[in-house]
Amino acid sequence: MACGMNDHAYDISYLLESELVKADVPELRVAKAPPAPPPVSYQSALAAAQEAMARELLEVAEAHEELIRQYLRFSSGSLQDPFGQ
């Protein structure tokens, strides 16, 4: 049986039968990455953002009320004569 050029091109048995050549390869040390944080679900992230915004709105509302009280004190005090005359 005649062997064509293609038969030799795909014959790798000589690689399997030959002695393996080993090259000196330095041992690679792989640095381990820190563990990834647990995945945050969209729902829990949304709930946390809504909670933070609600807290900020409450703080702003309290500050707004205090400004109104100060304005009322100032405006009612400015109508009175500071010298009592």
PDB file of N, CA and C in Angstrom:
ATOM      1  N   MET A   1       0.842  -1.163   0.000  1.00  0.00           N
ATOM      2  CA  MET A   1       0.000   0.000   0.000  1.00  0.00           C
ATOM      3  C   MET A   1       0.894   1.236   0.000  1.00  0.00           C
ATOM      4  N   ALA A   2       0.609   2.100  -0.870  1.00  0.00           N
ATOM      5  CA  ALA A   2       1.426   3.298  -1.007  1.00  0.00           C
ATOM      6  C   ALA A   2       0.923   4.366  -0.057  1.00  0.00           C
ATOM      7  N   CYS A   3       1.878   5.040   0.543  1.00  0.00           N
ATOM      8  CA  CYS A   3       1.517   6.128   1.452  1.00  0.00           C
ATOM      9  C   CYS A   3       1.641   7.431   0.705  1.00  0.00           C
ATOM     10  N   GLY A   4       0.599   8.179   0.755  1.00  0.00           N
ATOM     11  CA  GLY A   4       0.620   9.483   0.113  1.00  0.00           C
ATOM     12  C   GLY A   4       1.225  10.511   1.060  1.00  0.00           C
ATOM     13  N   MET A   5       1.400  11.699   0.553  1.00  0.00           N
ATOM     14  CA  MET A   5       1.969  12.778   1.349  1.00  0.00           C
ATOM     15  C   MET A   5       1.074  13.106   2.543  1.00  0.00           C
ATOM     16  N   ASN A   6      -0.231  13.041   2.342  1.00  0.00           N
ATOM     17  CA  ASN A   6      -1.159  13.374   3.409  1.00  0.00           C
ATOM     18  C   ASN A   6      -1.078  12.363   4.545  1.00  0.00           C
ATOM     19  N   ASP A   7      -0.799  11.097   4.241  1.00  0.00           N
ATOM     20  CA  ASP A   7      -0.706  10.083   5.292  1.00  0.00           C
ATOM     21  C   ASP A   7       0.438  10.409   6.252  1.00  0.00           C
ATOM     22  N   HIS A   8       1.552  10.851   5.741  1.00  0.00           N
ATOM     23  CA  HIS A   8       2.689  11.187   6.587  1.00  0.00           C
ATOM     24  C   HIS A   8       2.428  12.473   7.386  1.00  0.00           C
ATOM     25  N   ALA A   9       1.668  13.361   6.802  1.00  0.00           N
ATOM     26  CA  ALA A   9       1.406  14.624   7.472  1.00  0.00           C
ATOM     27  C   ALA A   9       0.570  14.419   8.732  1.00  0.00           C
ATOM     28  N   TYR A  10      -0.306  13.405   8.720  1.00  0.00           N
ATOM     29  CA  TYR A  10      -1.179  13.184   9.862  1.00  0.00           C
ATOM     30  C   TYR A  10      -0.694  12.071  10.782  1.00  0.00           C
ATOM     31  N   ASP A  11       0.414  11.439  10.460  1.00  0.00           N
ATOM     32  CA  ASP A  11       0.935  10.353  11.290  1.00  0.00           C
ATOM     33  C   ASP A  11       1.776  10.959  12.418  1.00  0.00           C
ATOM     34  N   ILE A  12       1.279  10.854  13.645  1.00  0.00           N
ATOM     35  CA  ILE A  12       2.015  11.397  14.782  1.00  0.00           C
ATOM     36  C   ILE A  12       2.513  10.285  15.693  1.00  0.00           C
ATOM     37  N   SER A  13       2.442   9.068  15.232  1.00  0.00           N
ATOM     38  CA  SER A  13       2.857   7.956  16.084  1.00  0.00           C
ATOM     39  C   SER A  13       4.331   8.077  16.471  1.00  0.00           C
ATOM     40  N   TYR A  14       5.140   8.649  15.613  1.00  0.00           N
ATOM     41  CA  TYR A  14       6.559   8.800  15.956  1.00  0.00           C
ATOM     42  C   TYR A  14       6.725   9.718  17.168  1.00  0.00           C
ATOM     43  N   LEU A  15       5.804  10.664  17.363  1.00  0.00           N
ATOM     44  CA  LEU A  15       5.881  11.529  18.537  1.00  0.00           C
ATOM     45  C   LEU A  15       5.557  10.754  19.806  1.00  0.00           C
ATOM     46  N   LEU A  16       4.599   9.854  19.702  1.00  0.00           N
ATOM     47  CA  LEU A  16       4.192   9.080  20.861  1.00  0.00           C
ATOM     48  C   LEU A  16       5.258   8.067  21.255  1.00  0.00           C
ATOM     49  N   GLU A  17       5.996   7.545  20.272  1.00  0.00           N
ATOM     50  CA  GLU A  17       7.000   6.527  20.531  1.00  0.00           C
ATOM     51  C   GLU A  17       8.348   7.116  20.918  1.00  0.00           C
ATOM     52  N   SER A  18       8.584   8.349  20.589  1.00  0.00           N
ATOM     53  CA  SER A  18       9.886   8.938  20.872  1.00  0.00           C
ATOM     54  C   SER A  18      10.000   9.304  22.345  1.00  0.00           C
ATOM     55  N   GLU A  19      11.232   9.473  22.774  1.00  0.00           N
ATOM     56  CA  GLU A  19      11.483   9.841  24.154  1.00  0.00           C
ATOM     57  C   GLU A  19      11.124  11.318  24.336  1.00  0.00           C
ATOM     58  N   LEU A  20      10.439  11.602  25.429  1.00  0.00           N
ATOM     59  CA  LEU A  20      10.033  12.979  25.685  1.00  0.00           C
ATOM     60  C   LEU A  20      11.249  13.823  26.022  1.00  0.00           C
ATOM     61  N   VAL A  21      11.286  14.993  25.453  1.00  0.00           N
ATOM     62  CA  VAL A  21      12.355  15.932  25.735  1.00  0.00           C
ATOM     63  C   VAL A  21      11.823  16.909  26.768  1.00  0.00           C
ATOM     64  N   LYS A  22      12.547  16.998  27.879  1.00  0.00           N
ATOM     65  CA  LYS A  22      12.112  17.899  28.930  1.00  0.00           C
ATOM     66  C   LYS A  22      13.056  19.089  28.983  1.00  0.00           C
ATOM     67  N   ALA A  23      12.491  20.252  28.978  1.00  0.00           N
ATOM     68  CA  ALA A  23      13.280  21.467  29.110  1.00  0.00           C
ATOM     69  C   ALA A  23      13.210  21.918  30.549  1.00  0.00           C
ATOM     70  N   ASP A  24      14.266  22.599  30.996  1.00  0.00           N
ATOM     71  CA  ASP A  24      14.248  23.150  32.339  1.00  0.00           C
ATOM     72  C   ASP A  24      13.329  24.366  32.347  1.00  0.00           C
ATOM     73  N   VAL A  25      12.228  24.200  33.009  1.00  0.00           N
ATOM     74  CA  VAL A  25      11.252  25.279  33.101  1.00  0.00           C
ATOM     75  C   VAL A  25      11.188  25.702  34.556  1.00  0.00           C
ATOM     76  N   PRO A  26      11.385  26.982  34.826  1.00  0.00           N
ATOM     77  CA  PRO A  26      11.318  27.427  36.216  1.00  0.00           C
ATOM     78  C   PRO A  26       9.909  27.217  36.771  1.00  0.00           C
ATOM     79  N   GLU A  27       9.877  26.898  38.061  1.00  0.00           N
ATOM     80  CA  GLU A  27       8.586  26.690  38.702  1.00  0.00           C
ATOM     81  C   GLU A  27       7.898  28.041  38.862  1.00  0.00           C
ATOM     82  N   LEU A  28       6.714  28.118  38.361  1.00  0.00           N
ATOM     83  CA  LEU A  28       5.964  29.362  38.452  1.00  0.00           C
ATOM     84  C   LEU A  28       5.111  29.349  39.711  1.00  0.00           C
ATOM     85  N   ARG A  29       5.180  30.412  40.434  1.00  0.00           N
ATOM     86  CA  ARG A  29       4.346  30.545  41.629  1.00  0.00           C
ATOM     87  C   ARG A  29       3.243  31.547  41.310  1.00  0.00           C
ATOM     88  N   VAL A  30       2.057  31.080  41.461  1.00  0.00           N
ATOM     89  CA  VAL A  30       0.909  31.914  41.145  1.00  0.00           C
ATOM     90  C   VAL A  30       0.396  32.543  42.440  1.00  0.00           C
ATOM     91  N   ALA A  31       0.331  33.845  42.429  1.00  0.00           N
ATOM     92  CA  ALA A  31      -0.196  34.546  43.599  1.00  0.00           C
ATOM     93  C   ALA A  31      -1.702  34.382  43.621  1.00  0.00           C
ATOM     94  N   LYS A  32      -2.206  34.013  44.780  1.00  0.00           N
ATOM     95  CA  LYS A  32      -3.649  33.841  44.885  1.00  0.00           C
ATOM     96  C   LYS A  32      -4.313  35.201  45.045  1.00  0.00           C
ATOM     97  N   ALA A  33      -5.364  35.380  44.310  1.00  0.00           N
ATOM     98  CA  ALA A  33      -6.134  36.623  44.404  1.00  0.00           C
ATOM     99  C   ALA A  33      -6.982  36.570  45.668  1.00  0.00           C
ATOM    100  N   PRO A  34      -7.229  37.738  46.252  1.00  0.00           N
ATOM    101  CA  PRO A  34      -8.091  37.746  47.438  1.00  0.00           C
ATOM    102  C   PRO A  34      -9.478  37.242  47.053  1.00  0.00           C
ATOM    103  N   PRO A  35     -10.167  36.628  47.992  1.00  0.00           N
ATOM    104  CA  PRO A  35     -11.488  36.103  47.644  1.00  0.00           C
ATOM    105  C   PRO A  35     -12.431  37.229  47.233  1.00  0.00           C
ATOM    106  N   ALA A  36     -13.212  36.935  46.241  1.00  0.00           N
ATOM    107  CA  ALA A  36     -14.157  37.931  45.743  1.00  0.00           C
ATOM    108  C   ALA A  36     -15.273  38.114  46.759  1.00  0.00           C
ATOM    109  N   PRO A  37     -15.759  39.345  46.886  1.00  0.00           N
ATOM    110  CA  PRO A  37     -16.871  39.550  47.810  1.00  0.00           C
ATOM    111  C   PRO A  37     -18.094  38.795  47.306  1.00  0.00           C
ATOM    112  N   PRO A  38     -18.957  38.409  48.208  1.00  0.00           N
ATOM    113  CA  PRO A  38     -20.130  37.670  47.754  1.00  0.00           C
ATOM    114  C   PRO A  38     -20.959  38.537  46.816  1.00  0.00           C
ATOM    115  N   PRO A  39     -21.551  37.928  45.823  1.00  0.00           N
ATOM    116  CA  PRO A  39     -22.330  38.715  44.871  1.00  0.00           C
ATOM    117  C   PRO A  39     -23.517  39.377  45.563  1.00  0.00           C
ATOM    118  N   VAL A  40     -23.745  40.621  45.199  1.00  0.00           N
ATOM    119  CA  VAL A  40     -24.848  41.372  45.769  1.00  0.00           C
ATOM    120  C   VAL A  40     -25.993  41.335  44.756  1.00  0.00           C
ATOM    121  N   SER A  41     -27.124  40.918  45.228  1.00  0.00           N
ATOM    122  CA  SER A  41     -28.243  40.856  44.310  1.00  0.00           C
ATOM    123  C   SER A  41     -28.750  42.262  44.028  1.00  0.00           C
ATOM    124  N   TYR A  42     -29.398  42.398  42.922  1.00  0.00           N
ATOM    125  CA  TYR A  42     -29.944  43.699  42.522  1.00  0.00           C
ATOM    126  C   TYR A  42     -30.959  44.170  43.552  1.00  0.00           C
ATOM    127  N   GLN A  43     -31.783  43.266  44.052  1.00  0.00           N
ATOM    128  CA  GLN A  43     -32.823  43.647  45.013  1.00  0.00           C
ATOM    129  C   GLN A  43     -32.213  44.173  46.307  1.00  0.00           C
ATOM    130  N   SER A  44     -31.188  43.493  46.823  1.00  0.00           N
ATOM    131  CA  SER A  44     -30.596  43.952  48.081  1.00  0.00           C
ATOM    132  C   SER A  44     -29.846  45.262  47.888  1.00  0.00           C
ATOM    133  N   ALA A  45     -29.210  45.454  46.745  1.00  0.00           N
ATOM    134  CA  ALA A  45     -28.523  46.718  46.468  1.00  0.00           C
ATOM    135  C   ALA A  45     -29.532  47.854  46.351  1.00  0.00           C
ATOM    136  N   LEU A  46     -30.660  47.584  45.710  1.00  0.00           N
ATOM    137  CA  LEU A  46     -31.706  48.585  45.562  1.00  0.00           C
ATOM    138  C   LEU A  46     -32.291  48.945  46.926  1.00  0.00           C
ATOM    139  N   ALA A  47     -32.530  47.937  47.761  1.00  0.00           N
ATOM    140  CA  ALA A  47     -33.079  48.191  49.096  1.00  0.00           C
ATOM    141  C   ALA A  47     -32.113  49.020  49.938  1.00  0.00           C
ATOM    142  N   ALA A  48     -30.825  48.732  49.847  1.00  0.00           N
ATOM    143  CA  ALA A  48     -29.827  49.489  50.606  1.00  0.00           C
ATOM    144  C   ALA A  48     -29.777  50.939  50.135  1.00  0.00           C
ATOM    145  N   ALA A  49     -29.865  51.157  48.839  1.00  0.00           N
ATOM    146  CA  ALA A  49     -29.841  52.526  48.307  1.00  0.00           C
ATOM    147  C   ALA A  49     -31.090  53.289  48.740  1.00  0.00           C
ATOM    148  N   GLN A  50     -32.234  52.628  48.711  1.00  0.00           N
ATOM    149  CA  GLN A  50     -33.472  53.291  49.127  1.00  0.00           C
ATOM    150  C   GLN A  50     -33.430  53.637  50.612  1.00  0.00           C
ATOM    151  N   GLU A  51     -32.886  52.752  51.417  1.00  0.00           N
ATOM    152  CA  GLU A  51     -32.780  53.016  52.852  1.00  0.00           C
ATOM    153  C   GLU A  51     -31.866  54.215  53.123  1.00  0.00           C
ATOM    154  N   ALA A  52     -30.741  54.284  52.420  1.00  0.00           N
ATOM    155  CA  ALA A  52     -29.813  55.402  52.602  1.00  0.00           C
ATOM    156  C   ALA A  52     -30.465  56.723  52.185  1.00  0.00           C
ATOM    157  N   MET A  53     -31.199  56.697  51.081  1.00  0.00           N
ATOM    158  CA  MET A  53     -31.869  57.916  50.627  1.00  0.00           C
ATOM    159  C   MET A  53     -32.953  58.343  51.611  1.00  0.00           C
ATOM    160  N   ALA A  54     -33.670  57.397  52.187  1.00  0.00           N
ATOM    161  CA  ALA A  54     -34.712  57.731  53.158  1.00  0.00           C
ATOM    162  C   ALA A  54     -34.094  58.383  54.391  1.00  0.00           C
ATOM    163  N   ARG A  55     -32.949  57.839  54.856  1.00  0.00           N
ATOM    164  CA  ARG A  55     -32.270  58.440  56.016  1.00  0.00           C
ATOM    165  C   ARG A  55     -31.836  59.871  55.715  1.00  0.00           C
ATOM    166  N   GLU A  56     -31.286  60.093  54.528  1.00  0.00           N
ATOM    167  CA  GLU A  56     -30.849  61.440  54.154  1.00  0.00           C
ATOM    168  C   GLU A  56     -32.030  62.401  54.064  1.00  0.00           C
ATOM    169  N   LEU A  57     -33.143  61.941  53.533  1.00  0.00           N
ATOM    170  CA  LEU A  57     -34.316  62.802  53.434  1.00  0.00           C
ATOM    171  C   LEU A  57     -34.837  63.186  54.815  1.00  0.00           C
ATOM    172  N   LEU A  58     -34.804  62.253  55.761  1.00  0.00           N
ATOM    173  CA  LEU A  58     -35.239  62.567  57.129  1.00  0.00           C
ATOM    174  C   LEU A  58     -34.324  63.602  57.766  1.00  0.00           C
ATOM    175  N   GLU A  59     -33.007  63.468  57.545  1.00  0.00           N
ATOM    176  CA  GLU A  59     -32.073  64.451  58.089  1.00  0.00           C
ATOM    177  C   GLU A  59     -32.306  65.821  57.473  1.00  0.00           C
ATOM    178  N   VAL A  60     -32.531  65.876  56.178  1.00  0.00           N
ATOM    179  CA  VAL A  60     -32.768  67.143  55.501  1.00  0.00           C
ATOM    180  C   VAL A  60     -34.078  67.759  55.986  1.00  0.00           C
ATOM    181  N   ALA A  61     -35.086  66.933  56.206  1.00  0.00           N
ATOM    182  CA  ALA A  61     -36.377  67.442  56.681  1.00  0.00           C
ATOM    183  C   ALA A  61     -36.215  68.076  58.062  1.00  0.00           C
ATOM    184  N   GLU A  62     -35.443  67.450  58.933  1.00  0.00           N
ATOM    185  CA  GLU A  62     -35.199  68.016  60.264  1.00  0.00           C
ATOM    186  C   GLU A  62     -34.454  69.346  60.160  1.00  0.00           C
ATOM    187  N   ALA A  63     -33.465  69.419  59.303  1.00  0.00           N
ATOM    188  CA  ALA A  63     -32.711  70.665  59.121  1.00  0.00           C
ATOM    189  C   ALA A  63     -33.628  71.746  58.552  1.00  0.00           C
ATOM    190  N   HIS A  64     -34.510  71.373  57.638  1.00  0.00           N
ATOM    191  CA  HIS A  64     -35.436  72.322  57.037  1.00  0.00           C
ATOM    192  C   HIS A  64     -36.383  72.880  58.097  1.00  0.00           C
ATOM    193  N   GLU A  65     -36.895  72.022  58.959  1.00  0.00           N
ATOM    194  CA  GLU A  65     -37.779  72.469  60.038  1.00  0.00           C
ATOM    195  C   GLU A  65     -37.051  73.437  60.972  1.00  0.00           C
ATOM    196  N   GLU A  66     -35.810  73.147  61.279  1.00  0.00           N
ATOM    197  CA  GLU A  66     -35.032  74.033  62.151  1.00  0.00           C
ATOM    198  C   GLU A  66     -34.822  75.394  61.494  1.00  0.00           C
ATOM    199  N   LEU A  67     -34.564  75.429  60.210  1.00  0.00           N
ATOM    200  CA  LEU A  67     -34.420  76.706  59.503  1.00  0.00           C
ATOM    201  C   LEU A  67     -35.717  77.510  59.562  1.00  0.00           C
ATOM    202  N   ILE A  68     -36.851  76.833  59.421  1.00  0.00           N
ATOM    203  CA  ILE A  68     -38.143  77.518  59.503  1.00  0.00           C
ATOM    204  C   ILE A  68     -38.332  78.112  60.901  1.00  0.00           C
ATOM    205  N   ARG A  69     -38.004  77.346  61.953  1.00  0.00           N
ATOM    206  CA  ARG A  69     -38.123  77.856  63.332  1.00  0.00           C
ATOM    207  C   ARG A  69     -37.226  79.080  63.540  1.00  0.00           C
ATOM    208  N   GLN A  70     -35.995  79.008  63.034  1.00  0.00           N
ATOM    209  CA  GLN A  70     -35.087  80.149  63.175  1.00  0.00           C
ATOM    210  C   GLN A  70     -35.638  81.372  62.445  1.00  0.00           C
ATOM    211  N   TYR A  71     -36.175  81.165  61.269  1.00  0.00           N
ATOM    212  CA  TYR A  71     -36.736  82.273  60.499  1.00  0.00           C
ATOM    213  C   TYR A  71     -37.899  82.908  61.259  1.00  0.00           C
ATOM    214  N   LEU A  72     -38.762  82.066  61.800  1.00  0.00           N
ATOM    215  CA  LEU A  72     -39.910  82.602  62.540  1.00  0.00           C
ATOM    216  C   LEU A  72     -39.459  83.369  63.781  1.00  0.00           C
ATOM    217  N   ARG A  73     -38.463  82.862  64.493  1.00  0.00           N
ATOM    218  CA  ARG A  73     -37.943  83.577  65.667  1.00  0.00           C
ATOM    219  C   ARG A  73     -37.347  84.914  65.257  1.00  0.00           C
ATOM    220  N   PHE A  74     -36.589  84.882  64.174  1.00  0.00           N
ATOM    221  CA  PHE A  74     -35.945  86.117  63.712  1.00  0.00           C
ATOM    222  C   PHE A  74     -36.984  87.130  63.240  1.00  0.00           C
ATOM    223  N   SER A  75     -37.943  86.670  62.457  1.00  0.00           N
ATOM    224  CA  SER A  75     -38.921  87.598  61.892  1.00  0.00           C
ATOM    225  C   SER A  75     -39.835  88.166  62.972  1.00  0.00           C
ATOM    226  N   SER A  76     -40.196  87.370  63.973  1.00  0.00           N
ATOM    227  CA  SER A  76     -41.051  87.901  65.040  1.00  0.00           C
ATOM    228  C   SER A  76     -40.246  88.806  65.956  1.00  0.00           C
ATOM    229  N   GLY A  77     -38.969  88.550  66.154  1.00  0.00           N
ATOM    230  CA  GLY A  77     -38.115  89.380  66.991  1.00  0.00           C
ATOM    231  C   GLY A  77     -37.761  90.688  66.313  1.00  0.00           C
ATOM    232  N   SER A  78     -37.656  90.700  64.995  1.00  0.00           N
ATOM    233  CA  SER A  78     -37.250  91.917  64.310  1.00  0.00           C
ATOM    234  C   SER A  78     -38.368  92.938  64.258  1.00  0.00           C
ATOM    235  N   LEU A  79     -39.615  92.505  64.470  1.00  0.00           N
ATOM    236  CA  LEU A  79     -40.729  93.438  64.474  1.00  0.00           C
ATOM    237  C   LEU A  79     -40.812  94.205  65.804  1.00  0.00           C
ATOM    238  N   GLN A  80     -40.187  93.691  66.838  1.00  0.00           N
ATOM    239  CA  GLN A  80     -40.215  94.370  68.130  1.00  0.00           C
ATOM    240  C   GLN A  80     -39.072  95.374  68.213  1.00  0.00           C
ATOM    241  N   ASP A  81     -39.315  96.409  68.948  1.00  0.00           N
ATOM    242  CA  ASP A  81     -38.298  97.445  69.146  1.00  0.00           C
ATOM    243  C   ASP A  81     -37.264  96.926  70.125  1.00  0.00           C
ATOM    244  N   PRO A  82     -35.991  96.820  69.725  1.00  0.00           N
ATOM    245  CA  PRO A  82     -34.982  96.265  70.607  1.00  0.00           C
ATOM    246  C   PRO A  82     -34.744  97.123  71.867  1.00  0.00           C
ATOM    247  N   PHE A  83     -35.135  98.392  71.817  1.00  0.00           N
ATOM    248  CA  PHE A  83     -34.908  99.296  72.957  1.00  0.00           C
ATOM    249  C   PHE A  83     -36.135  99.399  73.839  1.00  0.00           C
ATOM    250  N   GLY A  84     -37.215  98.682  73.462  1.00  0.00           N
ATOM    251  CA  GLY A  84     -38.438  98.693  74.278  1.00  0.00           C
ATOM    252  C   GLY A  84     -39.200  99.991  74.200  1.00  0.00           C
ATOM    253  N   GLN A  85     -39.042 100.799  73.160  1.00  0.00           N
ATOM    254  CA  GLN A  85     -39.733 102.077  73.049  1.00  0.00           C
ATOM    255  C   GLN A  85     -40.938 101.990  72.160  1.00  0.00           C
TER     256      GLN A  85
END
